Every structure is written in structure tokens, then in C-alpha cells.
Amino acid sequence: SMLIASALGYAVVGVNMRGTGCSGGAFRYFEPLQSTDGYDAVETIAAQPWVEGGRVGMVGISYPGISQLFVAQLRPPHLVAIAPLSVIADTYKSTLYPGGILNNGFAISWATDRARDAQPGGQRWSQKRLDAGDQVCIANQRLRGQTPDMFALISDNQYYRPGVADPIAPRTFVDRITVPVFLAGAW
């Protein structure tokens, strides 16, 4: 999608989630800070002189698609549309514990990969930046030790509890999204 957008004359910006790649902070899936980070990213990008009319759209698939729902519900003033692809309705009920049974296939392997990626230099490209002496990337790795143990979070929440599960379930807040949405899925 980045190549198509660029060919059509759109500026494209890639943003690392908090606690991944060379970003700062610690990673926890769909935490509220990711939503506010997204809000801030939209508004920061909108303020750039190369952004025509301050109009920002978002596009992404899977986690980068789902995260758009979290951002759009906050209604950043310069967000004009989103294109979330392959999203979920409920993190707990449809991904982690479908039918009340732990998804020890996709969900656990995904969590394992994200835990690895969230380590300092956990992604090959970020390790190359660290090895090359990128001081911003090096400094941004300092809070990675605060990344919560995702497997402890999973085992501590093996039963549905609305106070824990609902805030990370898009079905509970997508009605607050007011910008145009192009939603596509995959089976």
C-alpha cells in the first residue's frame, strides 16, 4: 500500500508502536497509550508543511489496521479517513479465547513473536540501527524492561472479565468513530 500511495502522490509515514523497533517506551497490546500515541502522530503529521491541507488518513492490515480503530475513536481533528484491513471485533473472545478455549495456535505464537520483537534490538532492522550507533534508537530502548509479561497477562485473565477485556475490544467503541471507514477483511 505504501508503494501505491506514493505513486499516487501521497506522502507515507510509518510509525512504530510504542515499545517496538526504535521507538521509546514499553509494549503492551492495545493499551490506551497506543491510542493516544496514534492521536499525537496524526496531529504531528498534519502539522507538517508537506501535508496538503493537514489531511491525514490511516491504512494498515492486522495490528496496524486494528490500531486505527483505537485511534479513530479518539477523533483526532485532522484524521479524515481510515482503511483498517483484517480487523477483529473482540481481542479476548475472538482472538485469545474463542469459545472460551485458549487459542494456543495463532494467539500464543503472535504473542511470542511480539514479546521477542519488543526486546531491545528484537527486530533485525532495529538491531542494525543499534549496531550502527543510532543514539536515538539506543536511548529509546531504555524502557523496554518495563514491557509486561504478555504470558502472565494471558494466564491471569483466562476467564472473561469485562473490566479487563472490553477496553481492548473494538466492538465496544467503534460506534464513536466518525470519519469515513473503508473496512476490508480476510478469511
N, C-alpha and C. Protein backbone atom coordinates (compact mmCIF):
# COMPACT_ATOMS: atom_id res chain seq x y z
N SER A 1 0.81 -1.19 0.00
CA SER A 1 0.00 0.00 0.00
C SER A 1 0.85 1.26 0.00
N MET A 2 2.06 1.20 0.60
CA MET A 2 2.93 2.37 0.61
C MET A 2 3.37 2.72 -0.81
N LEU A 3 3.67 1.72 -1.62
CA LEU A 3 4.11 1.98 -2.99
C LEU A 3 2.98 2.59 -3.82
N ILE A 4 1.78 2.09 -3.64
CA ILE A 4 0.62 2.63 -4.38
C ILE A 4 0.37 4.07 -3.96
N ALA A 5 0.36 4.32 -2.65
CA ALA A 5 0.11 5.68 -2.15
C ALA A 5 1.17 6.64 -2.66
N SER A 6 2.42 6.23 -2.63
CA SER A 6 3.50 7.09 -3.12
C SER A 6 3.34 7.36 -4.61
N ALA A 7 2.98 6.34 -5.38
CA ALA A 7 2.80 6.51 -6.82
C ALA A 7 1.64 7.46 -7.13
N LEU A 8 0.67 7.53 -6.24
CA LEU A 8 -0.47 8.42 -6.43
C LEU A 8 -0.22 9.83 -5.88
N GLY A 9 0.99 10.06 -5.36
CA GLY A 9 1.36 11.39 -4.88
C GLY A 9 1.10 11.64 -3.41
N TYR A 10 0.79 10.61 -2.66
CA TYR A 10 0.57 10.79 -1.23
C TYR A 10 1.88 10.62 -0.47
N ALA A 11 2.06 11.39 0.59
CA ALA A 11 3.18 11.19 1.49
C ALA A 11 2.83 10.01 2.38
N VAL A 12 3.81 9.18 2.69
CA VAL A 12 3.59 8.00 3.52
C VAL A 12 4.51 8.07 4.72
N VAL A 13 3.95 7.84 5.90
CA VAL A 13 4.71 7.86 7.14
C VAL A 13 4.48 6.53 7.84
N GLY A 14 5.55 5.86 8.23
CA GLY A 14 5.44 4.64 9.01
C GLY A 14 5.74 4.98 10.47
N VAL A 15 4.92 4.47 11.38
CA VAL A 15 5.09 4.77 12.80
C VAL A 15 5.25 3.46 13.56
N ASN A 16 6.31 3.36 14.36
CA ASN A 16 6.48 2.19 15.22
C ASN A 16 5.60 2.33 16.45
N MET A 17 4.96 1.24 16.84
CA MET A 17 4.20 1.24 18.08
C MET A 17 5.17 1.47 19.24
N ARG A 18 4.66 2.11 20.27
CA ARG A 18 5.42 2.29 21.50
C ARG A 18 6.01 0.93 21.91
N GLY A 19 7.30 0.94 22.22
CA GLY A 19 7.95 -0.27 22.72
C GLY A 19 8.33 -1.27 21.64
N THR A 20 8.32 -0.87 20.35
CA THR A 20 8.76 -1.76 19.27
C THR A 20 9.77 -1.02 18.40
N GLY A 21 10.55 -1.78 17.65
CA GLY A 21 11.53 -1.18 16.75
C GLY A 21 12.45 -0.23 17.49
N CYS A 22 12.58 0.99 16.98
CA CYS A 22 13.42 2.01 17.62
C CYS A 22 12.61 3.04 18.39
N SER A 23 11.33 2.74 18.64
CA SER A 23 10.51 3.69 19.40
C SER A 23 10.85 3.59 20.88
N GLY A 24 10.40 4.58 21.62
CA GLY A 24 10.59 4.54 23.06
C GLY A 24 9.47 3.80 23.74
N GLY A 25 9.59 3.65 25.03
CA GLY A 25 8.52 3.06 25.82
C GLY A 25 8.56 1.55 25.90
N ALA A 26 7.49 1.02 26.47
CA ALA A 26 7.31 -0.42 26.65
C ALA A 26 6.06 -0.83 25.90
N PHE A 27 6.01 -2.07 25.43
CA PHE A 27 4.90 -2.56 24.62
C PHE A 27 3.89 -3.34 25.45
N ARG A 28 2.63 -3.01 25.28
CA ARG A 28 1.52 -3.82 25.80
C ARG A 28 0.41 -3.71 24.78
N TYR A 29 -0.07 -4.83 24.28
CA TYR A 29 -1.01 -4.80 23.17
C TYR A 29 -2.26 -4.00 23.49
N PHE A 30 -2.58 -3.09 22.56
CA PHE A 30 -3.77 -2.25 22.58
C PHE A 30 -3.95 -1.42 23.86
N GLU A 31 -2.87 -1.10 24.53
CA GLU A 31 -3.01 -0.27 25.73
C GLU A 31 -3.45 1.15 25.34
N PRO A 32 -4.09 1.87 26.25
CA PRO A 32 -4.57 3.22 25.93
C PRO A 32 -3.47 4.16 25.42
N LEU A 33 -2.24 3.99 25.89
CA LEU A 33 -1.15 4.86 25.42
C LEU A 33 -0.93 4.72 23.92
N GLN A 34 -1.16 3.53 23.35
CA GLN A 34 -1.02 3.38 21.90
C GLN A 34 -2.05 4.24 21.17
N SER A 35 -3.24 4.32 21.72
CA SER A 35 -4.28 5.14 21.10
C SER A 35 -3.90 6.61 21.13
N THR A 36 -3.45 7.08 22.28
CA THR A 36 -3.07 8.49 22.38
C THR A 36 -1.81 8.77 21.58
N ASP A 37 -0.89 7.80 21.50
CA ASP A 37 0.27 7.96 20.61
C ASP A 37 -0.19 8.15 19.17
N GLY A 38 -1.17 7.36 18.76
CA GLY A 38 -1.70 7.47 17.40
C GLY A 38 -2.35 8.82 17.16
N TYR A 39 -3.11 9.29 18.12
CA TYR A 39 -3.71 10.62 18.05
C TYR A 39 -2.61 11.66 17.83
N ASP A 40 -1.57 11.60 18.68
CA ASP A 40 -0.46 12.55 18.57
C ASP A 40 0.27 12.44 17.24
N ALA A 41 0.44 11.21 16.74
CA ALA A 41 1.10 11.02 15.44
C ALA A 41 0.28 11.67 14.33
N VAL A 42 -1.03 11.47 14.33
CA VAL A 42 -1.89 12.08 13.31
C VAL A 42 -1.75 13.59 13.35
N GLU A 43 -1.83 14.16 14.53
CA GLU A 43 -1.78 15.62 14.65
C GLU A 43 -0.39 16.18 14.32
N THR A 44 0.67 15.45 14.67
CA THR A 44 2.02 15.89 14.34
C THR A 44 2.24 15.84 12.83
N ILE A 45 1.79 14.78 12.21
CA ILE A 45 1.92 14.65 10.75
C ILE A 45 1.10 15.74 10.05
N ALA A 46 -0.11 15.99 10.54
CA ALA A 46 -0.97 17.01 9.93
C ALA A 46 -0.31 18.39 9.94
N ALA A 47 0.54 18.66 10.92
CA ALA A 47 1.19 19.96 11.06
C ALA A 47 2.40 20.15 10.16
N GLN A 48 2.79 19.10 9.43
CA GLN A 48 3.97 19.21 8.57
C GLN A 48 3.63 20.00 7.31
N PRO A 49 4.58 20.81 6.83
CA PRO A 49 4.30 21.64 5.65
C PRO A 49 4.04 20.84 4.38
N TRP A 50 4.47 19.61 4.32
CA TRP A 50 4.29 18.79 3.13
C TRP A 50 2.97 18.01 3.14
N VAL A 51 2.14 18.23 4.16
CA VAL A 51 0.84 17.58 4.23
C VAL A 51 -0.21 18.56 3.72
N GLU A 52 -0.77 18.26 2.57
CA GLU A 52 -1.73 19.16 1.94
C GLU A 52 -2.99 19.30 2.77
N GLY A 53 -3.26 20.52 3.19
CA GLY A 53 -4.48 20.80 3.95
C GLY A 53 -4.54 20.16 5.32
N GLY A 54 -3.42 19.63 5.81
CA GLY A 54 -3.42 18.99 7.12
C GLY A 54 -4.30 17.76 7.20
N ARG A 55 -4.57 17.13 6.06
CA ARG A 55 -5.47 15.98 6.00
C ARG A 55 -4.67 14.69 6.09
N VAL A 56 -5.00 13.88 7.08
CA VAL A 56 -4.28 12.62 7.32
C VAL A 56 -5.25 11.45 7.26
N GLY A 57 -4.83 10.40 6.60
CA GLY A 57 -5.57 9.14 6.57
C GLY A 57 -4.69 8.04 7.13
N MET A 58 -5.30 6.94 7.49
CA MET A 58 -4.54 5.79 8.01
C MET A 58 -4.93 4.56 7.22
N VAL A 59 -3.95 3.69 6.97
CA VAL A 59 -4.20 2.41 6.31
C VAL A 59 -3.26 1.38 6.93
N GLY A 60 -3.73 0.15 7.07
CA GLY A 60 -2.90 -0.91 7.60
C GLY A 60 -3.69 -2.20 7.70
N ILE A 61 -2.97 -3.29 7.85
CA ILE A 61 -3.59 -4.61 7.92
C ILE A 61 -3.21 -5.28 9.23
N SER A 62 -4.14 -5.99 9.81
CA SER A 62 -3.98 -6.71 11.07
C SER A 62 -3.73 -5.70 12.20
N TYR A 63 -2.67 -5.86 12.98
CA TYR A 63 -2.45 -4.94 14.11
C TYR A 63 -2.43 -3.48 13.66
N PRO A 64 -1.71 -3.12 12.57
CA PRO A 64 -1.77 -1.73 12.10
C PRO A 64 -3.16 -1.32 11.61
N GLY A 65 -4.00 -2.27 11.28
CA GLY A 65 -5.38 -1.95 10.93
C GLY A 65 -6.24 -1.80 12.16
N ILE A 66 -6.12 -2.75 13.07
CA ILE A 66 -6.91 -2.73 14.30
C ILE A 66 -6.60 -1.46 15.11
N SER A 67 -5.32 -1.09 15.16
CA SER A 67 -4.93 0.07 15.96
C SER A 67 -5.58 1.35 15.44
N GLN A 68 -5.92 1.40 14.15
CA GLN A 68 -6.62 2.57 13.60
C GLN A 68 -7.97 2.78 14.28
N LEU A 69 -8.64 1.69 14.60
CA LEU A 69 -9.93 1.79 15.27
C LEU A 69 -9.77 2.47 16.63
N PHE A 70 -8.71 2.09 17.33
CA PHE A 70 -8.43 2.67 18.65
C PHE A 70 -8.13 4.16 18.53
N VAL A 71 -7.38 4.54 17.50
CA VAL A 71 -7.04 5.95 17.30
C VAL A 71 -8.27 6.74 16.85
N ALA A 72 -8.99 6.23 15.87
CA ALA A 72 -10.12 6.96 15.30
C ALA A 72 -11.22 7.23 16.33
N GLN A 73 -11.40 6.35 17.30
CA GLN A 73 -12.42 6.59 18.33
C GLN A 73 -12.11 7.85 19.13
N LEU A 74 -10.84 8.28 19.17
CA LEU A 74 -10.45 9.48 19.91
C LEU A 74 -10.68 10.76 19.10
N ARG A 75 -10.98 10.58 17.82
CA ARG A 75 -11.33 11.69 16.92
C ARG A 75 -10.26 12.77 16.78
N PRO A 76 -9.05 12.41 16.36
CA PRO A 76 -8.06 13.46 16.09
C PRO A 76 -8.64 14.43 15.06
N PRO A 77 -8.54 15.73 15.28
CA PRO A 77 -9.18 16.70 14.38
C PRO A 77 -8.75 16.62 12.92
N HIS A 78 -7.53 16.17 12.65
CA HIS A 78 -7.03 16.15 11.27
C HIS A 78 -7.09 14.77 10.61
N LEU A 79 -7.68 13.81 11.29
CA LEU A 79 -7.88 12.49 10.69
C LEU A 79 -9.12 12.55 9.82
N VAL A 80 -8.95 12.26 8.52
CA VAL A 80 -10.08 12.39 7.60
C VAL A 80 -10.66 11.06 7.14
N ALA A 81 -9.93 9.95 7.29
CA ALA A 81 -10.44 8.64 6.88
C ALA A 81 -9.50 7.56 7.39
N ILE A 82 -10.03 6.35 7.53
CA ILE A 82 -9.20 5.20 7.89
C ILE A 82 -9.53 4.04 6.96
N ALA A 83 -8.54 3.17 6.76
CA ALA A 83 -8.73 1.95 5.96
C ALA A 83 -8.15 0.78 6.75
N PRO A 84 -8.87 0.33 7.78
CA PRO A 84 -8.40 -0.81 8.57
C PRO A 84 -8.73 -2.13 7.86
N LEU A 85 -7.72 -2.94 7.67
CA LEU A 85 -7.88 -4.20 6.95
C LEU A 85 -7.63 -5.37 7.90
N SER A 86 -8.45 -6.38 7.79
CA SER A 86 -8.34 -7.60 8.61
C SER A 86 -8.33 -7.28 10.11
N VAL A 87 -9.43 -6.70 10.56
CA VAL A 87 -9.55 -6.33 11.97
C VAL A 87 -10.33 -7.39 12.74
N ILE A 88 -10.40 -7.20 14.04
CA ILE A 88 -11.14 -8.11 14.91
C ILE A 88 -12.20 -7.30 15.66
N ALA A 89 -13.20 -7.98 16.17
CA ALA A 89 -14.24 -7.33 16.96
C ALA A 89 -13.91 -7.38 18.44
N ASP A 90 -13.23 -8.44 18.87
CA ASP A 90 -13.02 -8.65 20.29
C ASP A 90 -11.69 -9.38 20.51
N THR A 91 -10.75 -8.70 21.12
CA THR A 91 -9.42 -9.29 21.36
C THR A 91 -9.52 -10.56 22.19
N TYR A 92 -10.34 -10.53 23.22
CA TYR A 92 -10.44 -11.67 24.12
C TYR A 92 -11.27 -12.80 23.52
N LYS A 93 -12.53 -12.48 23.15
CA LYS A 93 -13.47 -13.53 22.74
C LYS A 93 -13.21 -14.09 21.35
N SER A 94 -12.68 -13.27 20.43
CA SER A 94 -12.50 -13.79 19.07
C SER A 94 -11.05 -14.15 18.74
N THR A 95 -10.10 -13.69 19.53
CA THR A 95 -8.70 -14.00 19.22
C THR A 95 -8.05 -14.86 20.29
N LEU A 96 -8.08 -14.40 21.53
CA LEU A 96 -7.34 -15.09 22.59
C LEU A 96 -8.07 -16.33 23.12
N TYR A 97 -9.37 -16.20 23.39
CA TYR A 97 -10.14 -17.32 23.94
C TYR A 97 -11.42 -17.54 23.15
N PRO A 98 -11.33 -17.85 21.85
CA PRO A 98 -12.56 -18.07 21.08
C PRO A 98 -13.31 -19.28 21.66
N GLY A 99 -14.60 -19.09 21.92
CA GLY A 99 -15.39 -20.17 22.50
C GLY A 99 -14.96 -20.55 23.90
N GLY A 100 -14.16 -19.66 24.55
CA GLY A 100 -13.69 -19.93 25.90
C GLY A 100 -12.46 -20.82 25.97
N ILE A 101 -11.88 -21.16 24.82
CA ILE A 101 -10.71 -22.05 24.78
C ILE A 101 -9.50 -21.24 24.34
N LEU A 102 -8.39 -21.34 25.08
CA LEU A 102 -7.17 -20.61 24.74
C LEU A 102 -6.73 -20.95 23.32
N ASN A 103 -6.54 -19.94 22.52
CA ASN A 103 -6.05 -20.11 21.14
C ASN A 103 -4.53 -20.27 21.21
N ASN A 104 -4.10 -21.50 21.49
CA ASN A 104 -2.66 -21.74 21.64
C ASN A 104 -1.95 -21.91 20.30
N GLY A 105 -2.67 -21.66 19.21
CA GLY A 105 -2.05 -21.62 17.89
C GLY A 105 -1.66 -20.20 17.56
N PHE A 106 -2.51 -19.49 16.84
CA PHE A 106 -2.19 -18.14 16.40
C PHE A 106 -1.92 -17.18 17.55
N ALA A 107 -2.82 -17.08 18.52
CA ALA A 107 -2.70 -16.06 19.57
C ALA A 107 -1.40 -16.20 20.35
N ILE A 108 -1.05 -17.41 20.73
CA ILE A 108 0.17 -17.62 21.51
C ILE A 108 1.41 -17.40 20.65
N SER A 109 1.40 -17.87 19.41
CA SER A 109 2.58 -17.64 18.56
C SER A 109 2.73 -16.15 18.26
N TRP A 110 1.62 -15.44 18.07
CA TRP A 110 1.67 -14.00 17.84
C TRP A 110 2.24 -13.29 19.07
N ALA A 111 1.77 -13.66 20.26
CA ALA A 111 2.27 -13.05 21.50
C ALA A 111 3.76 -13.35 21.68
N THR A 112 4.17 -14.56 21.34
CA THR A 112 5.59 -14.93 21.43
C THR A 112 6.43 -14.05 20.51
N ASP A 113 5.98 -13.87 19.28
CA ASP A 113 6.70 -13.02 18.33
C ASP A 113 6.76 -11.58 18.82
N ARG A 114 5.65 -11.04 19.35
CA ARG A 114 5.63 -9.65 19.82
C ARG A 114 6.54 -9.48 21.03
N ALA A 115 6.57 -10.46 21.92
CA ALA A 115 7.46 -10.38 23.08
C ALA A 115 8.91 -10.32 22.62
N ARG A 116 9.26 -11.11 21.62
CA ARG A 116 10.61 -11.08 21.07
C ARG A 116 10.90 -9.74 20.40
N ASP A 117 9.96 -9.27 19.59
CA ASP A 117 10.13 -8.00 18.88
C ASP A 117 10.29 -6.83 19.83
N ALA A 118 9.66 -6.90 21.01
CA ALA A 118 9.69 -5.79 21.96
C ALA A 118 10.98 -5.74 22.77
N GLN A 119 11.82 -6.75 22.65
CA GLN A 119 13.11 -6.71 23.34
C GLN A 119 14.03 -5.71 22.65
N PRO A 120 15.00 -5.13 23.37
CA PRO A 120 15.95 -4.24 22.69
C PRO A 120 16.60 -4.96 21.51
N GLY A 121 16.51 -4.36 20.34
CA GLY A 121 17.07 -4.98 19.14
C GLY A 121 16.32 -6.21 18.71
N GLY A 122 15.07 -6.37 19.14
CA GLY A 122 14.29 -7.57 18.86
C GLY A 122 13.91 -7.75 17.41
N GLN A 123 13.99 -6.70 16.62
CA GLN A 123 13.74 -6.80 15.18
C GLN A 123 15.07 -6.58 14.47
N ARG A 124 15.32 -7.35 13.41
CA ARG A 124 16.62 -7.29 12.73
C ARG A 124 17.00 -5.87 12.33
N TRP A 125 16.03 -5.13 11.77
CA TRP A 125 16.36 -3.79 11.31
C TRP A 125 16.72 -2.86 12.46
N SER A 126 16.06 -3.03 13.63
CA SER A 126 16.39 -2.17 14.76
C SER A 126 17.74 -2.56 15.35
N GLN A 127 18.07 -3.85 15.34
CA GLN A 127 19.39 -4.27 15.82
C GLN A 127 20.48 -3.68 14.95
N LYS A 128 20.25 -3.61 13.64
CA LYS A 128 21.23 -2.98 12.74
C LYS A 128 21.42 -1.52 13.09
N ARG A 129 20.33 -0.83 13.44
CA ARG A 129 20.43 0.59 13.82
C ARG A 129 21.22 0.72 15.12
N LEU A 130 20.98 -0.19 16.07
CA LEU A 130 21.72 -0.17 17.33
C LEU A 130 23.20 -0.42 17.08
N ASP A 131 23.49 -1.44 16.26
CA ASP A 131 24.88 -1.77 15.94
C ASP A 131 25.60 -0.63 15.24
N ALA A 132 24.85 0.16 14.47
CA ALA A 132 25.44 1.29 13.75
C ALA A 132 25.61 2.52 14.64
N GLY A 133 25.16 2.41 15.91
CA GLY A 133 25.35 3.51 16.85
C GLY A 133 24.27 4.57 16.84
N ASP A 134 23.09 4.26 16.33
CA ASP A 134 21.98 5.22 16.31
C ASP A 134 21.62 5.59 17.75
N GLN A 135 22.00 6.79 18.16
CA GLN A 135 21.84 7.21 19.56
C GLN A 135 20.38 7.35 19.98
N VAL A 136 19.52 7.77 19.07
CA VAL A 136 18.10 7.87 19.40
C VAL A 136 17.52 6.48 19.63
N CYS A 137 17.86 5.54 18.76
CA CYS A 137 17.38 4.17 18.91
C CYS A 137 17.92 3.56 20.21
N ILE A 138 19.19 3.80 20.50
CA ILE A 138 19.80 3.28 21.73
C ILE A 138 19.07 3.84 22.95
N ALA A 139 18.85 5.15 22.97
CA ALA A 139 18.17 5.78 24.11
C ALA A 139 16.74 5.26 24.26
N ASN A 140 16.08 5.01 23.15
CA ASN A 140 14.69 4.57 23.19
C ASN A 140 14.52 3.14 23.68
N GLN A 141 15.59 2.40 23.82
CA GLN A 141 15.50 1.01 24.29
C GLN A 141 15.45 0.93 25.81
N ARG A 142 15.71 2.03 26.50
CA ARG A 142 15.89 2.02 27.96
C ARG A 142 14.66 1.56 28.74
N LEU A 143 13.47 1.81 28.25
CA LEU A 143 12.26 1.43 29.00
C LEU A 143 11.74 0.04 28.63
N ARG A 144 12.43 -0.66 27.78
CA ARG A 144 11.94 -1.96 27.33
C ARG A 144 11.80 -2.96 28.46
N GLY A 145 12.57 -2.80 29.52
CA GLY A 145 12.44 -3.69 30.68
C GLY A 145 11.11 -3.56 31.38
N GLN A 146 10.35 -2.50 31.07
CA GLN A 146 9.04 -2.30 31.68
C GLN A 146 7.92 -2.95 30.87
N THR A 147 8.25 -3.59 29.77
CA THR A 147 7.24 -4.29 28.99
C THR A 147 6.67 -5.42 29.83
N PRO A 148 5.35 -5.44 30.06
CA PRO A 148 4.78 -6.50 30.89
C PRO A 148 4.89 -7.87 30.23
N ASP A 149 4.92 -8.88 31.04
CA ASP A 149 4.97 -10.26 30.56
C ASP A 149 3.60 -10.61 29.98
N MET A 150 3.52 -10.69 28.64
CA MET A 150 2.24 -10.96 28.00
C MET A 150 1.65 -12.31 28.40
N PHE A 151 2.52 -13.28 28.67
CA PHE A 151 2.02 -14.61 29.02
C PHE A 151 1.43 -14.62 30.42
N ALA A 152 1.97 -13.79 31.31
CA ALA A 152 1.36 -13.65 32.64
C ALA A 152 0.00 -12.96 32.51
N LEU A 153 -0.08 -11.95 31.64
CA LEU A 153 -1.37 -11.28 31.41
C LEU A 153 -2.41 -12.26 30.87
N ILE A 154 -1.97 -13.13 29.96
CA ILE A 154 -2.89 -14.11 29.39
C ILE A 154 -3.34 -15.11 30.45
N SER A 155 -2.40 -15.66 31.20
CA SER A 155 -2.78 -16.68 32.19
C SER A 155 -3.55 -16.07 33.36
N ASP A 156 -3.32 -14.80 33.67
CA ASP A 156 -4.06 -14.14 34.75
C ASP A 156 -5.48 -13.76 34.33
N ASN A 157 -5.77 -13.85 33.04
CA ASN A 157 -7.09 -13.44 32.53
C ASN A 157 -7.73 -14.54 31.70
N GLN A 158 -7.68 -15.78 32.22
CA GLN A 158 -8.23 -16.89 31.45
C GLN A 158 -9.75 -16.93 31.46
N TYR A 159 -10.37 -16.10 32.30
CA TYR A 159 -11.83 -16.00 32.31
C TYR A 159 -12.21 -14.59 31.92
N TYR A 160 -13.24 -14.47 31.11
CA TYR A 160 -13.69 -13.16 30.63
C TYR A 160 -14.09 -12.27 31.80
N ARG A 161 -13.46 -11.11 31.85
CA ARG A 161 -13.81 -10.08 32.83
C ARG A 161 -13.99 -8.78 32.05
N PRO A 162 -15.19 -8.23 32.01
CA PRO A 162 -15.46 -7.04 31.19
C PRO A 162 -14.49 -5.89 31.45
N GLY A 163 -14.10 -5.66 32.69
CA GLY A 163 -13.21 -4.54 33.01
C GLY A 163 -11.83 -4.67 32.39
N VAL A 164 -11.41 -5.90 32.13
CA VAL A 164 -10.11 -6.16 31.51
C VAL A 164 -10.26 -6.31 30.00
N ALA A 165 -11.25 -7.08 29.57
CA ALA A 165 -11.37 -7.44 28.15
C ALA A 165 -12.05 -6.37 27.29
N ASP A 166 -13.07 -5.71 27.81
CA ASP A 166 -13.84 -4.78 26.98
C ASP A 166 -13.05 -3.56 26.48
N PRO A 167 -12.17 -2.97 27.29
CA PRO A 167 -11.43 -1.82 26.76
C PRO A 167 -10.55 -2.13 25.54
N ILE A 168 -10.21 -3.39 25.34
CA ILE A 168 -9.39 -3.76 24.17
C ILE A 168 -10.22 -4.52 23.12
N ALA A 169 -11.54 -4.37 23.21
CA ALA A 169 -12.46 -4.99 22.25
C ALA A 169 -13.06 -3.89 21.37
N PRO A 170 -12.64 -3.79 20.11
CA PRO A 170 -13.19 -2.75 19.24
C PRO A 170 -14.71 -2.71 19.20
N ARG A 171 -15.39 -3.83 19.38
CA ARG A 171 -16.85 -3.84 19.35
C ARG A 171 -17.45 -2.90 20.38
N THR A 172 -16.69 -2.56 21.42
CA THR A 172 -17.22 -1.72 22.50
C THR A 172 -17.09 -0.23 22.22
N PHE A 173 -16.35 0.16 21.15
CA PHE A 173 -16.15 1.59 20.94
C PHE A 173 -16.21 2.05 19.48
N VAL A 174 -16.34 1.15 18.53
CA VAL A 174 -16.31 1.58 17.13
C VAL A 174 -17.46 2.52 16.78
N ASP A 175 -18.51 2.53 17.58
CA ASP A 175 -19.61 3.46 17.32
C ASP A 175 -19.20 4.91 17.54
N ARG A 176 -18.05 5.14 18.16
CA ARG A 176 -17.55 6.51 18.36
C ARG A 176 -16.73 7.02 17.18
N ILE A 177 -16.47 6.18 16.19
CA ILE A 177 -15.69 6.60 15.02
C ILE A 177 -16.60 7.39 14.08
N THR A 178 -16.15 8.57 13.72
CA THR A 178 -16.98 9.45 12.88
C THR A 178 -16.39 9.71 11.50
N VAL A 179 -15.15 9.34 11.25
CA VAL A 179 -14.56 9.56 9.92
C VAL A 179 -14.97 8.43 8.99
N PRO A 180 -14.90 8.65 7.67
CA PRO A 180 -15.19 7.56 6.73
C PRO A 180 -14.24 6.38 6.96
N VAL A 181 -14.79 5.19 6.82
CA VAL A 181 -14.04 3.96 7.06
C VAL A 181 -14.17 3.05 5.84
N PHE A 182 -13.02 2.59 5.31
CA PHE A 182 -13.01 1.54 4.31
C PHE A 182 -12.53 0.30 5.05
N LEU A 183 -13.43 -0.59 5.34
CA LEU A 183 -13.13 -1.78 6.15
C LEU A 183 -13.12 -3.00 5.22
N ALA A 184 -12.05 -3.76 5.26
CA ALA A 184 -11.96 -4.98 4.47
C ALA A 184 -11.41 -6.08 5.35
N GLY A 185 -11.82 -7.29 5.08
CA GLY A 185 -11.38 -8.41 5.90
C GLY A 185 -10.82 -9.53 5.05
N ALA A 186 -10.29 -10.52 5.72
CA ALA A 186 -9.76 -11.70 5.05
C ALA A 186 -10.23 -12.93 5.83
N TRP A 187 -10.35 -14.01 5.14
CA TRP A 187 -10.78 -15.23 5.82
C TRP A 187 -9.69 -16.25 5.71
